[in-house]
Amino acid sequence: MEPRRRPQNHSYEKHHKSHHLFRNSRTPSPAKKGMRHTMRKEPSSSDSEDEGPYQKHKKKRLMRKHPNKHHEGDRKRWRDAITERERKRYEGVWAANRGLHVVLEEVNLQTPAVANTVNEQVCSLVVRDIWSRSRLPEHVLEEVWGLVDTQGVGRLSKEEFVVGMWLIDQCLKGRKLPIKVSDSVWGSVRTVGGIKVRRK
């Protein structure tokens, strides 16, 4: 009787082991049902508890404004005009670089007034050297040049240079370049006899 029982026990053990393996492979299915069930419950039961703290945290994040980040509605505030302090600082850079590397023979000098105008401008080589110190991408500097170069002569006037310097500083602060420089910005840098005038 024992020899007959041994094969039966051995086959039973094999069957039990194979059943155990299939059982392990099938165990994920009830677990999945449980997971699906809990996932359904989480939005309904815990959402009300988690939603409040998350919304509060979200509001705090919106209230804390980064100094270099501005919302869409705040753009007009910093593009209205250049401050007096900024203008004087940029004009100091212009005064130190005006007339440099300007070959007068290459310029059509018809009158002394034209010569004086050229000597008051900053040539493109000097502008590129100064602006490249900001380490902004070249395409950004080219865009700034396109915004302020109103004459297309390869040189920038004092007002154009000052506005360009200001736009570069705005880029360094994380602000986007405007499509067009507003009249108020131009007016904030135009002076006649030391008196600021606004461009109409």
C-alpha atoms as a PDB file:
ATOM      1  CA  MET A   1       0.000   0.000   0.000  1.00  0.00           C
ATOM      2  CA  GLU A   2       2.876   2.397   0.746  1.00  0.00           C
ATOM      3  CA  PRO A   3       4.377   2.220  -2.770  1.00  0.00           C
ATOM      4  CA  ARG A   4       1.003   3.217  -4.169  1.00  0.00           C
ATOM      5  CA  ARG A   5       0.626   6.061  -1.702  1.00  0.00           C
ATOM      6  CA  ARG A   6       4.056   7.516  -2.493  1.00  0.00           C
ATOM      7  CA  PRO A   7       3.340   8.218  -6.144  1.00  0.00           C
ATOM      8  CA  GLN A   8       0.002   9.651  -5.147  1.00  0.00           C
ATOM      9  CA  ASN A   9       1.665  11.921  -2.598  1.00  0.00           C
ATOM     10  CA  HIS A  10       4.363  12.863  -5.117  1.00  0.00           C
ATOM     11  CA  SER A  11       1.830  13.752  -7.774  1.00  0.00           C
ATOM     12  CA  TYR A  12      -0.162  15.645  -5.191  1.00  0.00           C
ATOM     13  CA  GLU A  13       2.925  17.626  -4.237  1.00  0.00           C
ATOM     14  CA  LYS A  14       3.564  18.457  -7.908  1.00  0.00           C
ATOM     15  CA  HIS A  15      -0.021  19.464  -8.354  1.00  0.00           C
ATOM     16  CA  HIS A  16       0.109  21.517  -5.183  1.00  0.00           C
ATOM     17  CA  LYS A  17       3.298  23.273  -6.322  1.00  0.00           C
ATOM     18  CA  SER A  18       1.951  23.991  -9.783  1.00  0.00           C
ATOM     19  CA  HIS A  19      -1.246  25.250  -8.270  1.00  0.00           C
ATOM     20  CA  HIS A  20       0.799  27.469  -5.993  1.00  0.00           C
ATOM     21  CA  LEU A  21       2.671  28.930  -8.995  1.00  0.00           C
ATOM     22  CA  PHE A  22      -0.517  29.638 -10.867  1.00  0.00           C
ATOM     23  CA  ARG A  23      -1.883  31.053  -7.714  1.00  0.00           C
ATOM     24  CA  ASN A  24       1.008  33.516  -7.564  1.00  0.00           C
ATOM     25  CA  SER A  25       0.474  34.422 -11.172  1.00  0.00           C
ATOM     26  CA  ARG A  26      -3.214  34.888 -10.581  1.00  0.00           C
ATOM     27  CA  THR A  27      -2.807  36.818  -7.364  1.00  0.00           C
ATOM     28  CA  PRO A  28      -2.311  40.140  -9.162  1.00  0.00           C
ATOM     29  CA  SER A  29      -5.845  39.971 -10.566  1.00  0.00           C
ATOM     30  CA  PRO A  30      -7.575  40.363  -7.205  1.00  0.00           C
ATOM     31  CA  ALA A  31      -4.920  42.889  -6.274  1.00  0.00           C
ATOM     32  CA  LYS A  32      -5.713  44.869  -9.422  1.00  0.00           C
ATOM     33  CA  LYS A  33      -9.369  44.808  -8.535  1.00  0.00           C
ATOM     34  CA  GLY A  34      -8.476  46.106  -5.135  1.00  0.00           C
ATOM     35  CA  MET A  35      -6.282  48.825  -6.626  1.00  0.00           C
ATOM     36  CA  ARG A  36      -8.967  49.845  -9.056  1.00  0.00           C
ATOM     37  CA  HIS A  37     -11.434  49.907  -6.233  1.00  0.00           C
ATOM     38  CA  THR A  38      -9.228  52.103  -4.064  1.00  0.00           C
ATOM     39  CA  MET A  39      -8.436  54.402  -6.995  1.00  0.00           C
ATOM     40  CA  ARG A  40     -12.134  54.980  -7.435  1.00  0.00           C
ATOM     41  CA  LYS A  41     -12.487  55.801  -3.786  1.00  0.00           C
ATOM     42  CA  GLU A  42      -9.513  58.145  -3.558  1.00  0.00           C
ATOM     43  CA  PRO A  43     -11.023  60.932  -5.641  1.00  0.00           C
ATOM     44  CA  SER A  44     -14.309  60.790  -3.742  1.00  0.00           C
ATOM     45  CA  SER A  45     -13.145  60.230  -0.159  1.00  0.00           C
ATOM     46  CA  SER A  46      -9.703  61.798   0.053  1.00  0.00           C
ATOM     47  CA  ASP A  47     -10.179  64.508  -2.556  1.00  0.00           C
ATOM     48  CA  SER A  48     -12.149  66.629  -0.163  1.00  0.00           C
ATOM     49  CA  GLU A  49      -9.346  66.340   2.407  1.00  0.00           C
ATOM     50  CA  ASP A  50      -6.422  66.813   0.007  1.00  0.00           C
ATOM     51  CA  GLU A  51      -8.053  69.401  -2.186  1.00  0.00           C
ATOM     52  CA  GLY A  52      -8.081  72.074   0.458  1.00  0.00           C
ATOM     53  CA  PRO A  53      -4.371  71.999   1.381  1.00  0.00           C
ATOM     54  CA  TYR A  54      -3.402  71.718  -2.282  1.00  0.00           C
ATOM     55  CA  GLN A  55      -5.493  74.720  -3.210  1.00  0.00           C
ATOM     56  CA  LYS A  56      -4.050  76.710  -0.333  1.00  0.00           C
ATOM     57  CA  HIS A  57      -0.549  75.806  -1.439  1.00  0.00           C
ATOM     58  CA  LYS A  58      -1.465  76.798  -4.966  1.00  0.00           C
ATOM     59  CA  LYS A  59      -2.729  80.170  -3.821  1.00  0.00           C
ATOM     60  CA  LYS A  60       0.450  80.788  -1.860  1.00  0.00           C
ATOM     61  CA  ARG A  61       2.538  80.032  -4.905  1.00  0.00           C
ATOM     62  CA  LEU A  62       0.545  82.515  -6.961  1.00  0.00           C
ATOM     63  CA  MET A  63       0.841  85.188  -4.297  1.00  0.00           C
ATOM     64  CA  ARG A  64       4.618  84.852  -4.128  1.00  0.00           C
ATOM     65  CA  LYS A  65       5.712  86.616  -7.290  1.00  0.00           C
ATOM     66  CA  HIS A  66       9.209  86.172  -8.570  1.00  0.00           C
ATOM     67  CA  PRO A  67      10.890  89.566  -9.058  1.00  0.00           C
ATOM     68  CA  ASN A  68      11.911  88.617 -12.602  1.00  0.00           C
ATOM     69  CA  LYS A  69       8.587  87.117 -13.647  1.00  0.00           C
ATOM     70  CA  HIS A  70       5.639  89.173 -14.770  1.00  0.00           C
ATOM     71  CA  HIS A  71       2.124  88.284 -15.733  1.00  0.00           C
ATOM     72  CA  GLU A  72       0.575  89.299 -19.002  1.00  0.00           C
ATOM     73  CA  GLY A  73      -1.209  92.240 -17.431  1.00  0.00           C
ATOM     74  CA  ASP A  74       1.980  93.606 -15.884  1.00  0.00           C
ATOM     75  CA  ARG A  75       3.846  94.105 -19.136  1.00  0.00           C
ATOM     76  CA  LYS A  76       2.694  97.707 -19.639  1.00  0.00           C
ATOM     77  CA  ARG A  77       4.076  98.701 -16.258  1.00  0.00           C
ATOM     78  CA  TRP A  78       7.703  98.089 -17.118  1.00  0.00           C
ATOM     79  CA  ARG A  79       7.432  99.059 -20.776  1.00  0.00           C
ATOM     80  CA  ASP A  80       5.955 102.483 -20.189  1.00  0.00           C
ATOM     81  CA  ALA A  81       9.199 104.366 -19.763  1.00  0.00           C
ATOM     82  CA  ILE A  82      12.846 104.198 -18.810  1.00  0.00           C
ATOM     83  CA  THR A  83      13.579 105.631 -15.397  1.00  0.00           C
ATOM     84  CA  GLU A  84      15.854 108.632 -14.934  1.00  0.00           C
ATOM     85  CA  ARG A  85      18.415 106.508 -13.133  1.00  0.00           C
ATOM     86  CA  GLU A  86      18.490 103.924 -15.892  1.00  0.00           C
ATOM     87  CA  ARG A  87      18.737 106.573 -18.593  1.00  0.00           C
ATOM     88  CA  LYS A  88      21.722 108.274 -16.963  1.00  0.00           C
ATOM     89  CA  ARG A  89      23.504 104.958 -16.534  1.00  0.00           C
ATOM     90  CA  TYR A  90      23.005 103.988 -20.176  1.00  0.00           C
ATOM     91  CA  GLU A  91      23.970 107.461 -21.355  1.00  0.00           C
ATOM     92  CA  GLY A  92      27.252 107.075 -19.485  1.00  0.00           C
ATOM     93  CA  VAL A  93      28.035 103.974 -21.528  1.00  0.00           C
ATOM     94  CA  TRP A  94      27.045 105.809 -24.700  1.00  0.00           C
ATOM     95  CA  ALA A  95      29.262 108.812 -23.884  1.00  0.00           C
ATOM     96  CA  ALA A  96      32.278 106.548 -23.396  1.00  0.00           C
ATOM     97  CA  ASN A  97      31.814 104.794 -26.750  1.00  0.00           C
ATOM     98  CA  ARG A  98      30.345 107.362 -29.145  1.00  0.00           C
ATOM     99  CA  GLY A  99      32.305 108.081 -32.283  1.00  0.00           C
ATOM    100  CA  LEU A 100      34.666 105.132 -31.805  1.00  0.00           C
ATOM    101  CA  HIS A 101      35.812 103.243 -34.915  1.00  0.00           C
ATOM    102  CA  VAL A 102      33.816 105.550 -37.166  1.00  0.00           C
ATOM    103  CA  VAL A 103      35.675 106.173 -40.420  1.00  0.00           C
ATOM    104  CA  LEU A 104      34.569 109.626 -41.497  1.00  0.00           C
ATOM    105  CA  GLU A 105      35.832 109.121 -45.031  1.00  0.00           C
ATOM    106  CA  GLU A 106      33.342 106.316 -45.546  1.00  0.00           C
ATOM    107  CA  VAL A 107      30.444 108.510 -44.471  1.00  0.00           C
ATOM    108  CA  ASN A 108      28.894 110.969 -46.877  1.00  0.00           C
ATOM    109  CA  LEU A 109      29.671 114.131 -44.930  1.00  0.00           C
ATOM    110  CA  GLN A 110      27.908 116.951 -46.721  1.00  0.00           C
ATOM    111  CA  THR A 111      27.755 119.410 -43.834  1.00  0.00           C
ATOM    112  CA  PRO A 112      29.465 119.814 -40.466  1.00  0.00           C
ATOM    113  CA  ALA A 113      26.137 118.980 -38.853  1.00  0.00           C
ATOM    114  CA  VAL A 114      26.270 115.528 -40.406  1.00  0.00           C
ATOM    115  CA  ALA A 115      29.796 115.047 -39.061  1.00  0.00           C
ATOM    116  CA  ASN A 116      28.646 116.032 -35.595  1.00  0.00           C
ATOM    117  CA  THR A 117      25.743 113.611 -35.846  1.00  0.00           C
ATOM    118  CA  VAL A 118      28.040 110.744 -36.801  1.00  0.00           C
ATOM    119  CA  ASN A 119      30.398 111.533 -33.938  1.00  0.00           C
ATOM    120  CA  GLU A 120      27.441 111.274 -31.567  1.00  0.00           C
ATOM    121  CA  GLN A 121      26.578 107.761 -32.752  1.00  0.00           C
ATOM    122  CA  VAL A 122      27.905 104.336 -31.769  1.00  0.00           C
ATOM    123  CA  CYS A 123      28.964 102.102 -34.643  1.00  0.00           C
ATOM    124  CA  SER A 124      27.717  98.542 -34.971  1.00  0.00           C
ATOM    125  CA  LEU A 125      31.087  96.983 -34.072  1.00  0.00           C
ATOM    126  CA  VAL A 126      31.195  98.777 -30.748  1.00  0.00           C
ATOM    127  CA  VAL A 127      27.532  98.033 -30.080  1.00  0.00           C
ATOM    128  CA  ARG A 128      28.075  94.358 -30.740  1.00  0.00           C
ATOM    129  CA  ASP A 129      31.075  94.285 -28.397  1.00  0.00           C
ATOM    130  CA  ILE A 130      29.140  95.964 -25.594  1.00  0.00           C
ATOM    131  CA  TRP A 131      25.919  94.028 -25.996  1.00  0.00           C
ATOM    132  CA  SER A 132      27.669  90.663 -26.319  1.00  0.00           C
ATOM    133  CA  ARG A 133      28.925  91.085 -22.754  1.00  0.00           C
ATOM    134  CA  SER A 134      25.395  90.358 -21.626  1.00  0.00           C
ATOM    135  CA  ARG A 135      25.884  86.769 -22.909  1.00  0.00           C
ATOM    136  CA  LEU A 136      22.452  86.782 -24.457  1.00  0.00           C
ATOM    137  CA  PRO A 137      21.994  84.644 -27.592  1.00  0.00           C
ATOM    138  CA  GLU A 138      22.957  86.284 -30.838  1.00  0.00           C
ATOM    139  CA  HIS A 139      19.442  86.090 -32.228  1.00  0.00           C
ATOM    140  CA  VAL A 140      18.163  88.032 -29.211  1.00  0.00           C
ATOM    141  CA  LEU A 141      20.751  90.770 -29.723  1.00  0.00           C
ATOM    142  CA  GLU A 142      19.843  90.919 -33.393  1.00  0.00           C
ATOM    143  CA  GLU A 143      16.212  91.326 -32.449  1.00  0.00           C
ATOM    144  CA  VAL A 144      17.095  94.163 -30.084  1.00  0.00           C
ATOM    145  CA  TRP A 145      19.067  95.849 -32.855  1.00  0.00           C
ATOM    146  CA  GLY A 146      16.105  95.549 -35.199  1.00  0.00           C
ATOM    147  CA  LEU A 147      13.838  97.171 -32.622  1.00  0.00           C
ATOM    148  CA  VAL A 148      16.018 100.232 -32.045  1.00  0.00           C
ATOM    149  CA  ASP A 149      17.760 100.753 -35.405  1.00  0.00           C
ATOM    150  CA  THR A 150      15.390 103.272 -36.947  1.00  0.00           C
ATOM    151  CA  GLN A 151      17.854 104.761 -39.449  1.00  0.00           C
ATOM    152  CA  GLY A 152      19.485 101.663 -40.916  1.00  0.00           C
ATOM    153  CA  VAL A 153      22.932 103.256 -41.238  1.00  0.00           C
ATOM    154  CA  GLY A 154      24.901 100.735 -39.185  1.00  0.00           C
ATOM    155  CA  ARG A 155      25.139 103.112 -36.223  1.00  0.00           C
ATOM    156  CA  LEU A 156      22.910 103.919 -33.279  1.00  0.00           C
ATOM    157  CA  SER A 157      22.069 107.338 -31.941  1.00  0.00           C
ATOM    158  CA  LYS A 158      22.112 108.086 -28.246  1.00  0.00           C
ATOM    159  CA  GLU A 159      18.391 107.381 -27.870  1.00  0.00           C
ATOM    160  CA  GLU A 160      18.592 104.169 -29.876  1.00  0.00           C
ATOM    161  CA  PHE A 161      21.594 102.948 -27.921  1.00  0.00           C
ATOM    162  CA  VAL A 162      19.976 103.751 -24.572  1.00  0.00           C
ATOM    163  CA  VAL A 163      16.746 101.957 -25.472  1.00  0.00           C
ATOM    164  CA  GLY A 164      18.733  98.974 -26.720  1.00  0.00           C
ATOM    165  CA  MET A 165      20.661  98.769 -23.453  1.00  0.00           C
ATOM    166  CA  TRP A 166      17.405  98.943 -21.544  1.00  0.00           C
ATOM    167  CA  LEU A 167      15.833  96.162 -23.612  1.00  0.00           C
ATOM    168  CA  ILE A 168      18.849  93.961 -22.968  1.00  0.00           C
ATOM    169  CA  ASP A 169      18.481  94.512 -19.235  1.00  0.00           C
ATOM    170  CA  GLN A 170      14.825  93.544 -19.516  1.00  0.00           C
ATOM    171  CA  CYS A 171      15.842  90.295 -21.209  1.00  0.00           C
ATOM    172  CA  LEU A 172      18.357  89.590 -18.460  1.00  0.00           C
ATOM    173  CA  LYS A 173      15.531  89.999 -15.958  1.00  0.00           C
ATOM    174  CA  GLY A 174      13.528  87.312 -17.740  1.00  0.00           C
ATOM    175  CA  ARG A 175      11.134  89.557 -19.635  1.00  0.00           C
ATOM    176  CA  LYS A 176      10.200  89.099 -23.255  1.00  0.00           C
ATOM    177  CA  LEU A 177      11.055  91.568 -25.945  1.00  0.00           C
ATOM    178  CA  PRO A 178       8.171  93.655 -27.246  1.00  0.00           C
ATOM    179  CA  ILE A 179       7.032  93.462 -30.820  1.00  0.00           C
ATOM    180  CA  LYS A 180       7.575  97.204 -31.061  1.00  0.00           C
ATOM    181  CA  VAL A 181       9.127  99.780 -28.773  1.00  0.00           C
ATOM    182  CA  SER A 182       6.333 101.975 -27.470  1.00  0.00           C
ATOM    183  CA  ASP A 183       6.296 105.733 -28.014  1.00  0.00           C
ATOM    184  CA  SER A 184       6.385 106.289 -24.267  1.00  0.00           C
ATOM    185  CA  VAL A 185       9.721 104.477 -24.050  1.00  0.00           C
ATOM    186  CA  TRP A 186      11.170 106.607 -26.830  1.00  0.00           C
ATOM    187  CA  GLY A 187       9.789 109.714 -25.178  1.00  0.00           C
ATOM    188  CA  SER A 188      11.428 108.854 -21.869  1.00  0.00           C
ATOM    189  CA  VAL A 189      14.908 109.049 -23.430  1.00  0.00           C
ATOM    190  CA  ARG A 190      14.498 112.079 -25.709  1.00  0.00           C
ATOM    191  CA  THR A 191      15.863 115.335 -24.340  1.00  0.00           C
ATOM    192  CA  VAL A 192      16.108 118.871 -25.717  1.00  0.00           C
ATOM    193  CA  GLY A 193      18.484 121.144 -23.865  1.00  0.00           C
ATOM    194  CA  GLY A 194      18.536 118.795 -20.899  1.00  0.00           C
ATOM    195  CA  ILE A 195      14.739 118.772 -20.645  1.00  0.00           C
ATOM    196  CA  LYS A 196      12.916 115.517 -21.212  1.00  0.00           C
ATOM    197  CA  VAL A 197      10.245 115.597 -23.881  1.00  0.00           C
ATOM    198  CA  ARG A 198       7.758 113.006 -24.930  1.00  0.00           C
ATOM    199  CA  ARG A 199       7.452 111.899 -28.498  1.00  0.00           C
ATOM    200  CA  LYS A 200       4.008 112.494 -29.982  1.00  0.00           C
END
